């Protein structure tokens, strides 16, 4: 699971501090921060899932083959999403 960190970001200089608010002249806003590796991993997974959705929308299987096509896309989506069952 992706960890989200609470922190502060200065509206002037843009510095980010996740320990505590600035005690200087900066004005801080509360922000949420994630690690770049986690963000990139999720972004890549979302691209692949988007590809599956696009193929599902654009596919036009033969009348006698729609179930096979659907199940193949469903299996791929389950594999990519970590095997989470869809409710």
PDB file of N, CA and C in Angstrom:
ATOM      1  N   UNK A   1       0.840  -1.178   0.000  1.00  0.00           N
ATOM      2  CA  UNK A   1       0.000   0.000   0.000  1.00  0.00           C
ATOM      3  C   UNK A   1       0.886   1.242   0.000  1.00  0.00           C
ATOM      4  N   UNK A   2       0.469   2.248  -0.704  1.00  0.00           N
ATOM      5  CA  UNK A   2       1.214   3.489  -0.794  1.00  0.00           C
ATOM      6  C   UNK A   2       1.061   4.283   0.496  1.00  0.00           C
ATOM      7  N   UNK A   3       2.193   4.711   1.049  1.00  0.00           N
ATOM      8  CA  UNK A   3       2.154   5.549   2.243  1.00  0.00           C
ATOM      9  C   UNK A   3       2.026   7.004   1.836  1.00  0.00           C
ATOM     10  N   UNK A   4       1.139   7.720   2.507  1.00  0.00           N
ATOM     11  CA  UNK A   4       0.967   9.154   2.275  1.00  0.00           C
ATOM     12  C   UNK A   4       1.454   9.857   3.530  1.00  0.00           C
ATOM     13  N   UNK A   5       2.374  10.798   3.356  1.00  0.00           N
ATOM     14  CA  UNK A   5       2.956  11.519   4.474  1.00  0.00           C
ATOM     15  C   UNK A   5       2.319  12.895   4.571  1.00  0.00           C
ATOM     16  N   UNK A   6       2.003  13.298   5.789  1.00  0.00           N
ATOM     17  CA  UNK A   6       1.511  14.651   6.028  1.00  0.00           C
ATOM     18  C   UNK A   6       2.724  15.555   6.179  1.00  0.00           C
ATOM     19  N   UNK A   7       2.656  16.734   5.629  1.00  0.00           N
ATOM     20  CA  UNK A   7       3.783  17.640   5.739  1.00  0.00           C
ATOM     21  C   UNK A   7       3.354  19.064   5.474  1.00  0.00           C
ATOM     22  N   UNK A   8       4.329  19.897   5.229  1.00  0.00           N
ATOM     23  CA  UNK A   8       4.098  21.315   5.005  1.00  0.00           C
ATOM     24  C   UNK A   8       4.860  21.753   3.774  1.00  0.00           C
ATOM     25  N   UNK A   9       4.262  22.638   2.974  1.00  0.00           N
ATOM     26  CA  UNK A   9       4.946  23.198   1.816  1.00  0.00           C
ATOM     27  C   UNK A   9       4.821  24.709   1.876  1.00  0.00           C
ATOM     28  N   UNK A  10       5.947  25.389   1.712  1.00  0.00           N
ATOM     29  CA  UNK A  10       5.970  26.846   1.731  1.00  0.00           C
ATOM     30  C   UNK A  10       5.352  27.383   0.444  1.00  0.00           C
ATOM     31  N   UNK A  11       4.455  28.355   0.564  1.00  0.00           N
ATOM     32  CA  UNK A  11       3.843  28.943  -0.630  1.00  0.00           C
ATOM     33  C   UNK A  11       4.780  29.929  -1.304  1.00  0.00           C
ATOM     34  N   UNK A  12       5.862  30.303  -0.626  1.00  0.00           N
ATOM     35  CA  UNK A  12       6.821  31.237  -1.213  1.00  0.00           C
ATOM     36  C   UNK A  12       7.924  30.528  -1.962  1.00  0.00           C
ATOM     37  N   UNK A  13       8.694  29.706  -1.244  1.00  0.00           N
ATOM     38  CA  UNK A  13       9.872  29.088  -1.862  1.00  0.00           C
ATOM     39  C   UNK A  13       9.618  27.666  -2.339  1.00  0.00           C
ATOM     40  N   UNK A  14       8.529  27.015  -1.887  1.00  0.00           N
ATOM     41  CA  UNK A  14       8.199  25.673  -2.339  1.00  0.00           C
ATOM     42  C   UNK A  14       8.834  24.553  -1.548  1.00  0.00           C
ATOM     43  N   UNK A  15       9.654  24.872  -0.545  1.00  0.00           N
ATOM     44  CA  UNK A  15      10.304  23.814   0.231  1.00  0.00           C
ATOM     45  C   UNK A  15       9.245  22.935   0.893  1.00  0.00           C
ATOM     46  N   UNK A  16       9.581  21.675   1.055  1.00  0.00           N
ATOM     47  CA  UNK A  16       8.667  20.724   1.683  1.00  0.00           C
ATOM     48  C   UNK A  16       9.335  20.208   2.947  1.00  0.00           C
ATOM     49  N   UNK A  17       8.586  20.187   4.039  1.00  0.00           N
ATOM     50  CA  UNK A  17       9.082  19.720   5.324  1.00  0.00           C
ATOM     51  C   UNK A  17       8.036  18.766   5.878  1.00  0.00           C
ATOM     52  N   UNK A  18       8.430  17.546   6.169  1.00  0.00           N
ATOM     53  CA  UNK A  18       7.466  16.584   6.691  1.00  0.00           C
ATOM     54  C   UNK A  18       7.579  16.406   8.198  1.00  0.00           C
ATOM     55  N   UNK A  19       8.488  17.110   8.846  1.00  0.00           N
ATOM     56  CA  UNK A  19       8.646  16.971  10.282  1.00  0.00           C
ATOM     57  C   UNK A  19       7.720  17.879  11.071  1.00  0.00           C
ATOM     58  N   UNK A  20       7.763  19.163  10.768  1.00  0.00           N
ATOM     59  CA  UNK A  20       6.948  20.134  11.500  1.00  0.00           C
ATOM     60  C   UNK A  20       6.866  21.420  10.687  1.00  0.00           C
ATOM     61  N   UNK A  21       5.942  22.303  11.036  1.00  0.00           N
ATOM     62  CA  UNK A  21       5.836  23.570  10.311  1.00  0.00           C
ATOM     63  C   UNK A  21       7.094  24.422  10.470  1.00  0.00           C
ATOM     64  N   UNK A  22       7.336  25.266   9.498  1.00  0.00           N
ATOM     65  CA  UNK A  22       8.465  26.186   9.528  1.00  0.00           C
ATOM     66  C   UNK A  22       8.284  27.178  10.674  1.00  0.00           C
ATOM     67  N   UNK A  23       9.379  27.552  11.314  1.00  0.00           N
ATOM     68  CA  UNK A  23       9.303  28.528  12.402  1.00  0.00           C
ATOM     69  C   UNK A  23       9.856  29.876  11.968  1.00  0.00           C
ATOM     70  N   UNK A  24      10.198  30.015  10.682  1.00  0.00           N
ATOM     71  CA  UNK A  24      10.760  31.258  10.164  1.00  0.00           C
ATOM     72  C   UNK A  24       9.699  32.149   9.559  1.00  0.00           C
ATOM     73  N   UNK A  25      10.068  32.826   8.491  1.00  0.00           N
ATOM     74  CA  UNK A  25       9.162  33.784   7.849  1.00  0.00           C
ATOM     75  C   UNK A  25       8.286  33.147   6.781  1.00  0.00           C
ATOM     76  N   UNK A  26       8.497  31.885   6.486  1.00  0.00           N
ATOM     77  CA  UNK A  26       7.695  31.208   5.459  1.00  0.00           C
ATOM     78  C   UNK A  26       6.245  31.044   5.919  1.00  0.00           C
ATOM     79  N   UNK A  27       5.352  30.949   4.956  1.00  0.00           N
ATOM     80  CA  UNK A  27       3.969  30.592   5.230  1.00  0.00           C
ATOM     81  C   UNK A  27       3.766  29.202   4.662  1.00  0.00           C
ATOM     82  N   UNK A  28       3.453  28.262   5.532  1.00  0.00           N
ATOM     83  CA  UNK A  28       3.330  26.876   5.117  1.00  0.00           C
ATOM     84  C   UNK A  28       1.878  26.474   4.934  1.00  0.00           C
ATOM     85  N   UNK A  29       1.672  25.548   3.999  1.00  0.00           N
ATOM     86  CA  UNK A  29       0.375  24.918   3.782  1.00  0.00           C
ATOM     87  C   UNK A  29       0.549  23.434   4.020  1.00  0.00           C
ATOM     88  N   UNK A  30      -0.460  22.818   4.596  1.00  0.00           N
ATOM     89  CA  UNK A  30      -0.417  21.371   4.800  1.00  0.00           C
ATOM     90  C   UNK A  30      -0.523  20.695   3.427  1.00  0.00           C
ATOM     91  N   UNK A  31       0.329  19.702   3.186  1.00  0.00           N
ATOM     92  CA  UNK A  31       0.318  18.952   1.930  1.00  0.00           C
ATOM     93  C   UNK A  31       0.419  17.468   2.248  1.00  0.00           C
ATOM     94  N   UNK A  32       0.123  16.633   1.259  1.00  0.00           N
ATOM     95  CA  UNK A  32       0.330  15.201   1.361  1.00  0.00           C
ATOM     96  C   UNK A  32       1.412  14.825   0.370  1.00  0.00           C
ATOM     97  N   UNK A  33       2.364  13.995   0.803  1.00  0.00           N
ATOM     98  CA  UNK A  33       3.526  13.649  -0.004  1.00  0.00           C
ATOM     99  C   UNK A  33       3.622  12.135  -0.097  1.00  0.00           C
ATOM    100  N   UNK A  34       3.937  11.626  -1.285  1.00  0.00           N
ATOM    101  CA  UNK A  34       4.210  10.203  -1.460  1.00  0.00           C
ATOM    102  C   UNK A  34       5.619  10.053  -2.017  1.00  0.00           C
ATOM    103  N   UNK A  35       6.214   8.907  -1.815  1.00  0.00           N
ATOM    104  CA  UNK A  35       7.537   8.644  -2.355  1.00  0.00           C
ATOM    105  C   UNK A  35       7.447   8.526  -3.877  1.00  0.00           C
ATOM    106  N   UNK A  36       8.433   9.054  -4.574  1.00  0.00           N
ATOM    107  CA  UNK A  36       8.436   9.048  -6.040  1.00  0.00           C
ATOM    108  C   UNK A  36       8.368   7.633  -6.596  1.00  0.00           C
ATOM    109  N   UNK A  37       9.073   6.688  -5.980  1.00  0.00           N
ATOM    110  CA  UNK A  37       9.039   5.296  -6.459  1.00  0.00           C
ATOM    111  C   UNK A  37       7.628   4.725  -6.411  1.00  0.00           C
ATOM    112  N   UNK A  38       6.922   5.004  -5.312  1.00  0.00           N
ATOM    113  CA  UNK A  38       5.547   4.528  -5.181  1.00  0.00           C
ATOM    114  C   UNK A  38       4.648   5.176  -6.233  1.00  0.00           C
ATOM    115  N   UNK A  39       4.789   6.484  -6.400  1.00  0.00           N
ATOM    116  CA  UNK A  39       3.989   7.210  -7.382  1.00  0.00           C
ATOM    117  C   UNK A  39       4.233   6.650  -8.781  1.00  0.00           C
ATOM    118  N   UNK A  40       5.493   6.464  -9.154  1.00  0.00           N
ATOM    119  CA  UNK A  40       5.832   5.958 -10.484  1.00  0.00           C
ATOM    120  C   UNK A  40       5.302   4.552 -10.701  1.00  0.00           C
ATOM    121  N   UNK A  41       5.376   3.701  -9.661  1.00  0.00           N
ATOM    122  CA  UNK A  41       4.866   2.330  -9.773  1.00  0.00           C
ATOM    123  C   UNK A  41       3.364   2.348 -10.014  1.00  0.00           C
ATOM    124  N   UNK A  42       2.648   3.162  -9.256  1.00  0.00           N
ATOM    125  CA  UNK A  42       1.198   3.232  -9.428  1.00  0.00           C
ATOM    126  C   UNK A  42       0.811   3.869 -10.756  1.00  0.00           C
ATOM    127  N   UNK A  43       1.569   4.856 -11.183  1.00  0.00           N
ATOM    128  CA  UNK A  43       1.300   5.496 -12.463  1.00  0.00           C
ATOM    129  C   UNK A  43       1.472   4.494 -13.608  1.00  0.00           C
ATOM    130  N   UNK A  44       2.501   3.672 -13.542  1.00  0.00           N
ATOM    131  CA  UNK A  44       2.723   2.658 -14.581  1.00  0.00           C
ATOM    132  C   UNK A  44       1.604   1.621 -14.569  1.00  0.00           C
ATOM    133  N   UNK A  45       1.195   1.189 -13.380  1.00  0.00           N
ATOM    134  CA  UNK A  45       0.101   0.220 -13.289  1.00  0.00           C
ATOM    135  C   UNK A  45      -1.183   0.808 -13.849  1.00  0.00           C
ATOM    136  N   UNK A  46      -1.441   2.079 -13.567  1.00  0.00           N
ATOM    137  CA  UNK A  46      -2.650   2.715 -14.093  1.00  0.00           C
ATOM    138  C   UNK A  46      -2.629   2.818 -15.611  1.00  0.00           C
ATOM    139  N   UNK A  47      -1.453   3.036 -16.194  1.00  0.00           N
ATOM    140  CA  UNK A  47      -1.355   3.066 -17.660  1.00  0.00           C
ATOM    141  C   UNK A  47      -1.743   1.722 -18.253  1.00  0.00           C
ATOM    142  N   UNK A  48      -1.291   0.644 -17.628  1.00  0.00           N
ATOM    143  CA  UNK A  48      -1.604  -0.691 -18.129  1.00  0.00           C
ATOM    144  C   UNK A  48      -3.087  -0.975 -17.956  1.00  0.00           C
ATOM    145  N   UNK A  49      -3.652  -0.622 -16.809  1.00  0.00           N
ATOM    146  CA  UNK A  49      -5.086  -0.825 -16.599  1.00  0.00           C
ATOM    147  C   UNK A  49      -5.911   0.010 -17.567  1.00  0.00           C
ATOM    148  N   UNK A  50      -5.459   1.222 -17.845  1.00  0.00           N
ATOM    149  CA  UNK A  50      -6.144   2.070 -18.822  1.00  0.00           C
ATOM    150  C   UNK A  50      -6.130   1.413 -20.199  1.00  0.00           C
ATOM    151  N   UNK A  51      -5.029   0.775 -20.531  1.00  0.00           N
ATOM    152  CA  UNK A  51      -4.919   0.066 -21.806  1.00  0.00           C
ATOM    153  C   UNK A  51      -5.944  -1.070 -21.880  1.00  0.00           C
ATOM    154  N   UNK A  52      -6.117  -1.781 -20.772  1.00  0.00           N
ATOM    155  CA  UNK A  52      -7.089  -2.873 -20.745  1.00  0.00           C
ATOM    156  C   UNK A  52      -8.503  -2.321 -20.923  1.00  0.00           C
ATOM    157  N   UNK A  53      -8.808  -1.240 -20.243  1.00  0.00           N
ATOM    158  CA  UNK A  53     -10.138  -0.630 -20.362  1.00  0.00           C
ATOM    159  C   UNK A  53     -10.376  -0.170 -21.797  1.00  0.00           C
ATOM    160  N   UNK A  54      -9.360   0.444 -22.394  1.00  0.00           N
ATOM    161  CA  UNK A  54      -9.493   0.914 -23.782  1.00  0.00           C
ATOM    162  C   UNK A  54      -9.763  -0.267 -24.719  1.00  0.00           C
ATOM    163  N   UNK A  55      -9.024  -1.369 -24.528  1.00  0.00           N
ATOM    164  CA  UNK A  55      -9.250  -2.549 -25.383  1.00  0.00           C
ATOM    165  C   UNK A  55     -10.643  -3.128 -25.168  1.00  0.00           C
ATOM    166  N   UNK A  56     -11.111  -3.096 -23.915  1.00  0.00           N
ATOM    167  CA  UNK A  56     -12.448  -3.600 -23.625  1.00  0.00           C
ATOM    168  C   UNK A  56     -13.500  -2.748 -24.338  1.00  0.00           C
ATOM    169  N   UNK A  57     -13.309  -1.438 -24.320  1.00  0.00           N
ATOM    170  CA  UNK A  57     -14.265  -0.531 -24.958  1.00  0.00           C
ATOM    171  C   UNK A  57     -14.250  -0.681 -26.472  1.00  0.00           C
ATOM    172  N   UNK A  58     -13.067  -0.813 -27.054  1.00  0.00           N
ATOM    173  CA  UNK A  58     -12.941  -0.819 -28.506  1.00  0.00           C
ATOM    174  C   UNK A  58     -13.054  -2.200 -29.148  1.00  0.00           C
ATOM    175  N   UNK A  59     -13.014  -3.256 -28.341  1.00  0.00           N
ATOM    176  CA  UNK A  59     -13.035  -4.596 -28.935  1.00  0.00           C
ATOM    177  C   UNK A  59     -14.432  -4.953 -29.437  1.00  0.00           C
ATOM    178  N   UNK A  60     -14.455  -5.701 -30.526  1.00  0.00           N
ATOM    179  CA  UNK A  60     -15.705  -6.158 -31.116  1.00  0.00           C
ATOM    180  C   UNK A  60     -15.560  -7.642 -31.450  1.00  0.00           C
ATOM    181  N   UNK A  61     -15.610  -8.492 -30.405  1.00  0.00           N
ATOM    182  CA  UNK A  61     -15.435  -9.916 -30.658  1.00  0.00           C
ATOM    183  C   UNK A  61     -16.613 -10.505 -31.436  1.00  0.00           C
ATOM    184  N   UNK A  62     -16.355 -11.616 -32.075  1.00  0.00           N
ATOM    185  CA  UNK A  62     -17.419 -12.324 -32.793  1.00  0.00           C
ATOM    186  C   UNK A  62     -18.479 -12.775 -31.789  1.00  0.00           C
ATOM    187  N   UNK A  63     -19.719 -12.892 -32.221  1.00  0.00           N
ATOM    188  CA  UNK A  63     -20.804 -13.255 -31.296  1.00  0.00           C
ATOM    189  C   UNK A  63     -20.534 -14.522 -30.488  1.00  0.00           C
ATOM    190  N   UNK A  64     -19.826 -15.465 -31.066  1.00  0.00           N
ATOM    191  CA  UNK A  64     -19.564 -16.707 -30.348  1.00  0.00           C
ATOM    192  C   UNK A  64     -18.243 -16.669 -29.562  1.00  0.00           C
ATOM    193  N   UNK A  65     -17.551 -15.533 -29.542  1.00  0.00           N
ATOM    194  CA  UNK A  65     -16.259 -15.453 -28.869  1.00  0.00           C
ATOM    195  C   UNK A  65     -16.178 -14.346 -27.824  1.00  0.00           C
ATOM    196  N   UNK A  66     -17.270 -13.651 -27.549  1.00  0.00           N
ATOM    197  CA  UNK A  66     -17.205 -12.515 -26.631  1.00  0.00           C
ATOM    198  C   UNK A  66     -16.803 -12.942 -25.227  1.00  0.00           C
ATOM    199  N   UNK A  67     -17.293 -14.083 -24.772  1.00  0.00           N
ATOM    200  CA  UNK A  67     -16.988 -14.521 -23.405  1.00  0.00           C
ATOM    201  C   UNK A  67     -15.506 -14.846 -23.244  1.00  0.00           C
ATOM    202  N   UNK A  68     -14.921 -15.480 -24.235  1.00  0.00           N
ATOM    203  CA  UNK A  68     -13.491 -15.794 -24.190  1.00  0.00           C
ATOM    204  C   UNK A  68     -12.662 -14.507 -24.150  1.00  0.00           C
ATOM    205  N   UNK A  69     -13.032 -13.522 -24.962  1.00  0.00           N
ATOM    206  CA  UNK A  69     -12.318 -12.242 -24.981  1.00  0.00           C
ATOM    207  C   UNK A  69     -12.452 -11.517 -23.647  1.00  0.00           C
ATOM    208  N   UNK A  70     -13.666 -11.501 -23.113  1.00  0.00           N
ATOM    209  CA  UNK A  70     -13.906 -10.823 -21.841  1.00  0.00           C
ATOM    210  C   UNK A  70     -13.100 -11.477 -20.728  1.00  0.00           C
ATOM    211  N   UNK A  71     -13.112 -12.794 -20.672  1.00  0.00           N
ATOM    212  CA  UNK A  71     -12.388 -13.499 -19.609  1.00  0.00           C
ATOM    213  C   UNK A  71     -10.878 -13.293 -19.721  1.00  0.00           C
ATOM    214  N   UNK A  72     -10.354 -13.181 -20.925  1.00  0.00           N
ATOM    215  CA  UNK A  72      -8.924 -12.915 -21.101  1.00  0.00           C
ATOM    216  C   UNK A  72      -8.565 -11.525 -20.577  1.00  0.00           C
ATOM    217  N   UNK A  73      -9.383 -10.525 -20.902  1.00  0.00           N
ATOM    218  CA  UNK A  73      -9.147  -9.177 -20.385  1.00  0.00           C
ATOM    219  C   UNK A  73      -9.312  -9.134 -18.870  1.00  0.00           C
ATOM    220  N   UNK A  74     -10.299  -9.836 -18.355  1.00  0.00           N
ATOM    221  CA  UNK A  74     -10.528  -9.881 -16.918  1.00  0.00           C
ATOM    222  C   UNK A  74      -9.335 -10.515 -16.200  1.00  0.00           C
ATOM    223  N   UNK A  75      -8.806 -11.598 -16.740  1.00  0.00           N
ATOM    224  CA  UNK A  75      -7.653 -12.254 -16.132  1.00  0.00           C
ATOM    225  C   UNK A  75      -6.434 -11.337 -16.129  1.00  0.00           C
ATOM    226  N   UNK A  76      -6.227 -10.603 -17.219  1.00  0.00           N
ATOM    227  CA  UNK A  76      -5.100  -9.676 -17.291  1.00  0.00           C
ATOM    228  C   UNK A  76      -5.259  -8.552 -16.269  1.00  0.00           C
ATOM    229  N   UNK A  77      -6.468  -8.028 -16.143  1.00  0.00           N
ATOM    230  CA  UNK A  77      -6.721  -6.960 -15.177  1.00  0.00           C
ATOM    231  C   UNK A  77      -6.515  -7.451 -13.749  1.00  0.00           C
ATOM    232  N   UNK A  78      -6.962  -8.653 -13.450  1.00  0.00           N
ATOM    233  CA  UNK A  78      -6.769  -9.222 -12.117  1.00  0.00           C
ATOM    234  C   UNK A  78      -5.294  -9.434 -11.820  1.00  0.00           C
ATOM    235  N   UNK A  79      -4.542  -9.886 -12.803  1.00  0.00           N
ATOM    236  CA  UNK A  79      -3.104 -10.116 -12.610  1.00  0.00           C
ATOM    237  C   UNK A  79      -2.395  -8.800 -12.311  1.00  0.00           C
ATOM    238  N   UNK A  80      -2.720  -7.758 -13.050  1.00  0.00           N
ATOM    239  CA  UNK A  80      -2.060  -6.466 -12.888  1.00  0.00           C
ATOM    240  C   UNK A  80      -2.467  -5.783 -11.591  1.00  0.00           C
ATOM    241  N   UNK A  81      -3.727  -5.930 -11.197  1.00  0.00           N
ATOM    242  CA  UNK A  81      -4.201  -5.257  -9.996  1.00  0.00           C
ATOM    243  C   UNK A  81      -3.823  -6.000  -8.725  1.00  0.00           C
ATOM    244  N   UNK A  82      -3.040  -7.034  -8.851  1.00  0.00           N
ATOM    245  CA  UNK A  82      -2.605  -7.776  -7.679  1.00  0.00           C
ATOM    246  C   UNK A  82      -3.566  -8.873  -7.279  1.00  0.00           C
ATOM    247  N   UNK A  83      -4.470  -9.235  -8.167  1.00  0.00           N
ATOM    248  CA  UNK A  83      -5.396 -10.316  -7.893  1.00  0.00           C
ATOM    249  C   UNK A  83      -6.549  -9.930  -6.988  1.00  0.00           C
ATOM    250  N   UNK A  84      -6.773  -8.644  -6.829  1.00  0.00           N
ATOM    251  CA  UNK A  84      -7.873  -8.218  -5.979  1.00  0.00           C
ATOM    252  C   UNK A  84      -9.194  -8.528  -6.656  1.00  0.00           C
ATOM    253  N   UNK A  85     -10.102  -9.171  -5.945  1.00  0.00           N
ATOM    254  CA  UNK A  85     -11.408  -9.440  -6.547  1.00  0.00           C
ATOM    255  C   UNK A  85     -12.187  -8.152  -6.739  1.00  0.00           C
ATOM    256  N   UNK A  86     -12.930  -8.076  -7.813  1.00  0.00           N
ATOM    257  CA  UNK A  86     -13.733  -6.902  -8.114  1.00  0.00           C
ATOM    258  C   UNK A  86     -15.136  -7.154  -7.608  1.00  0.00           C
ATOM    259  N   UNK A  87     -15.670  -6.267  -6.784  1.00  0.00           N
ATOM    260  CA  UNK A  87     -17.027  -6.420  -6.252  1.00  0.00           C
ATOM    261  C   UNK A  87     -18.031  -5.789  -7.161  1.00  0.00           C
TER     262      UNK A  87
END
